């Protein structure tokens, strides 16, 4: 079944198709959808990974803060069956 990612970019909520064949993770997918070049970000993220302890959550926090700075928020996979309210 096809996966979808929902995210908010600069105040607008959007949904895109997602495939692990094309993207490493959902953050790379949403950046590509908005035309953001992640070359420098990925290099810095790799440096953070090399200097932090494994499991210290430094990488995850770095990614979260940087994507918020890019204008993204609320990035998540869409569940197959959204619960009805």
C-alpha atoms as a PDB file:
ATOM      1  CA  UNK A   1       0.000   0.000   0.000  1.00  0.00           C
ATOM      2  CA  UNK A   2       1.293   3.457  -0.861  1.00  0.00           C
ATOM      3  CA  UNK A   3       2.410   5.607   2.018  1.00  0.00           C
ATOM      4  CA  UNK A   4       1.614   9.259   2.388  1.00  0.00           C
ATOM      5  CA  UNK A   5       3.242  12.011   4.404  1.00  0.00           C
ATOM      6  CA  UNK A   6       1.382  15.029   5.745  1.00  0.00           C
ATOM      7  CA  UNK A   7       3.276  18.164   6.717  1.00  0.00           C
ATOM      8  CA  UNK A   8       2.827  21.869   7.235  1.00  0.00           C
ATOM      9  CA  UNK A   9       5.126  24.205   5.311  1.00  0.00           C
ATOM     10  CA  UNK A  10       4.914  27.922   6.063  1.00  0.00           C
ATOM     11  CA  UNK A  11       1.348  27.595   7.324  1.00  0.00           C
ATOM     12  CA  UNK A  12      -0.015  25.397   4.517  1.00  0.00           C
ATOM     13  CA  UNK A  13      -0.791  21.739   5.196  1.00  0.00           C
ATOM     14  CA  UNK A  14       0.094  19.374   2.353  1.00  0.00           C
ATOM     15  CA  UNK A  15       0.066  15.628   1.695  1.00  0.00           C
ATOM     16  CA  UNK A  16       2.511  13.850  -0.621  1.00  0.00           C
ATOM     17  CA  UNK A  17       3.169  10.274  -1.713  1.00  0.00           C
ATOM     18  CA  UNK A  18       6.176   8.615  -0.075  1.00  0.00           C
ATOM     19  CA  UNK A  19       8.365   5.696  -1.121  1.00  0.00           C
ATOM     20  CA  UNK A  20      11.525   4.336   0.505  1.00  0.00           C
ATOM     21  CA  UNK A  21      12.780   3.659  -3.042  1.00  0.00           C
ATOM     22  CA  UNK A  22      13.109   7.402  -3.647  1.00  0.00           C
ATOM     23  CA  UNK A  23      13.824   8.838  -0.183  1.00  0.00           C
ATOM     24  CA  UNK A  24      15.825   7.872   2.866  1.00  0.00           C
ATOM     25  CA  UNK A  25      13.152   9.250   5.230  1.00  0.00           C
ATOM     26  CA  UNK A  26      10.091  11.467   5.327  1.00  0.00           C
ATOM     27  CA  UNK A  27      12.143  14.610   6.009  1.00  0.00           C
ATOM     28  CA  UNK A  28      14.046  14.230   2.743  1.00  0.00           C
ATOM     29  CA  UNK A  29      10.756  13.642   0.917  1.00  0.00           C
ATOM     30  CA  UNK A  30       9.115  16.838   2.173  1.00  0.00           C
ATOM     31  CA  UNK A  31      12.255  18.876   1.471  1.00  0.00           C
ATOM     32  CA  UNK A  32      12.314  17.617  -2.114  1.00  0.00           C
ATOM     33  CA  UNK A  33       8.603  18.369  -2.506  1.00  0.00           C
ATOM     34  CA  UNK A  34       9.278  21.991  -1.547  1.00  0.00           C
ATOM     35  CA  UNK A  35      12.480  22.265  -3.611  1.00  0.00           C
ATOM     36  CA  UNK A  36      14.875  22.639  -0.672  1.00  0.00           C
ATOM     37  CA  UNK A  37      18.498  21.550  -1.227  1.00  0.00           C
ATOM     38  CA  UNK A  38      19.659  19.453   1.730  1.00  0.00           C
ATOM     39  CA  UNK A  39      23.331  19.087   0.723  1.00  0.00           C
ATOM     40  CA  UNK A  40      24.717  21.315   3.494  1.00  0.00           C
ATOM     41  CA  UNK A  41      22.171  20.060   6.013  1.00  0.00           C
ATOM     42  CA  UNK A  42      23.096  16.406   5.399  1.00  0.00           C
ATOM     43  CA  UNK A  43      26.822  17.185   5.746  1.00  0.00           C
ATOM     44  CA  UNK A  44      26.218  18.932   9.067  1.00  0.00           C
ATOM     45  CA  UNK A  45      23.918  16.160  10.257  1.00  0.00           C
ATOM     46  CA  UNK A  46      26.681  13.649   9.529  1.00  0.00           C
ATOM     47  CA  UNK A  47      29.108  15.708  11.646  1.00  0.00           C
ATOM     48  CA  UNK A  48      26.589  15.825  14.499  1.00  0.00           C
ATOM     49  CA  UNK A  49      26.259  12.038  14.271  1.00  0.00           C
ATOM     50  CA  UNK A  50      30.029  11.552  14.419  1.00  0.00           C
ATOM     51  CA  UNK A  51      30.499  13.813  17.447  1.00  0.00           C
ATOM     52  CA  UNK A  52      27.513  12.714  19.529  1.00  0.00           C
ATOM     53  CA  UNK A  53      27.081   9.551  21.539  1.00  0.00           C
ATOM     54  CA  UNK A  54      25.003   6.889  19.887  1.00  0.00           C
ATOM     55  CA  UNK A  55      21.491   7.104  21.281  1.00  0.00           C
ATOM     56  CA  UNK A  56      21.984  10.641  22.631  1.00  0.00           C
ATOM     57  CA  UNK A  57      19.194  11.986  20.383  1.00  0.00           C
ATOM     58  CA  UNK A  58      21.426  14.811  19.134  1.00  0.00           C
ATOM     59  CA  UNK A  59      20.763  13.888  15.503  1.00  0.00           C
ATOM     60  CA  UNK A  60      17.000  13.808  15.962  1.00  0.00           C
ATOM     61  CA  UNK A  61      17.003  17.144  17.799  1.00  0.00           C
ATOM     62  CA  UNK A  62      19.253  18.737  15.140  1.00  0.00           C
ATOM     63  CA  UNK A  63      16.923  17.542  12.377  1.00  0.00           C
ATOM     64  CA  UNK A  64      13.828  18.772  14.217  1.00  0.00           C
ATOM     65  CA  UNK A  65      15.284  22.242  14.868  1.00  0.00           C
ATOM     66  CA  UNK A  66      16.651  22.689  11.352  1.00  0.00           C
ATOM     67  CA  UNK A  67      13.426  21.644   9.638  1.00  0.00           C
ATOM     68  CA  UNK A  68      11.509  24.055  11.871  1.00  0.00           C
ATOM     69  CA  UNK A  69      13.948  26.756  10.727  1.00  0.00           C
ATOM     70  CA  UNK A  70      13.233  25.806   7.091  1.00  0.00           C
ATOM     71  CA  UNK A  71       9.516  26.389   7.793  1.00  0.00           C
ATOM     72  CA  UNK A  72       8.286  22.814   8.309  1.00  0.00           C
ATOM     73  CA  UNK A  73       6.153  21.536  11.152  1.00  0.00           C
ATOM     74  CA  UNK A  74       3.941  18.560  11.973  1.00  0.00           C
ATOM     75  CA  UNK A  75       5.697  16.085   9.634  1.00  0.00           C
ATOM     76  CA  UNK A  76       4.212  12.597   9.950  1.00  0.00           C
ATOM     77  CA  UNK A  77       3.026   9.529   8.066  1.00  0.00           C
ATOM     78  CA  UNK A  78      -0.691   9.317   7.303  1.00  0.00           C
ATOM     79  CA  UNK A  79      -2.260   6.289   8.923  1.00  0.00           C
ATOM     80  CA  UNK A  80      -4.034   3.833   6.637  1.00  0.00           C
ATOM     81  CA  UNK A  81      -7.315   4.405   8.423  1.00  0.00           C
ATOM     82  CA  UNK A  82      -7.623   7.770  10.129  1.00  0.00           C
ATOM     83  CA  UNK A  83      -9.878   7.495  13.193  1.00  0.00           C
ATOM     84  CA  UNK A  84     -13.172   9.287  12.775  1.00  0.00           C
ATOM     85  CA  UNK A  85     -14.138  11.777  15.461  1.00  0.00           C
END
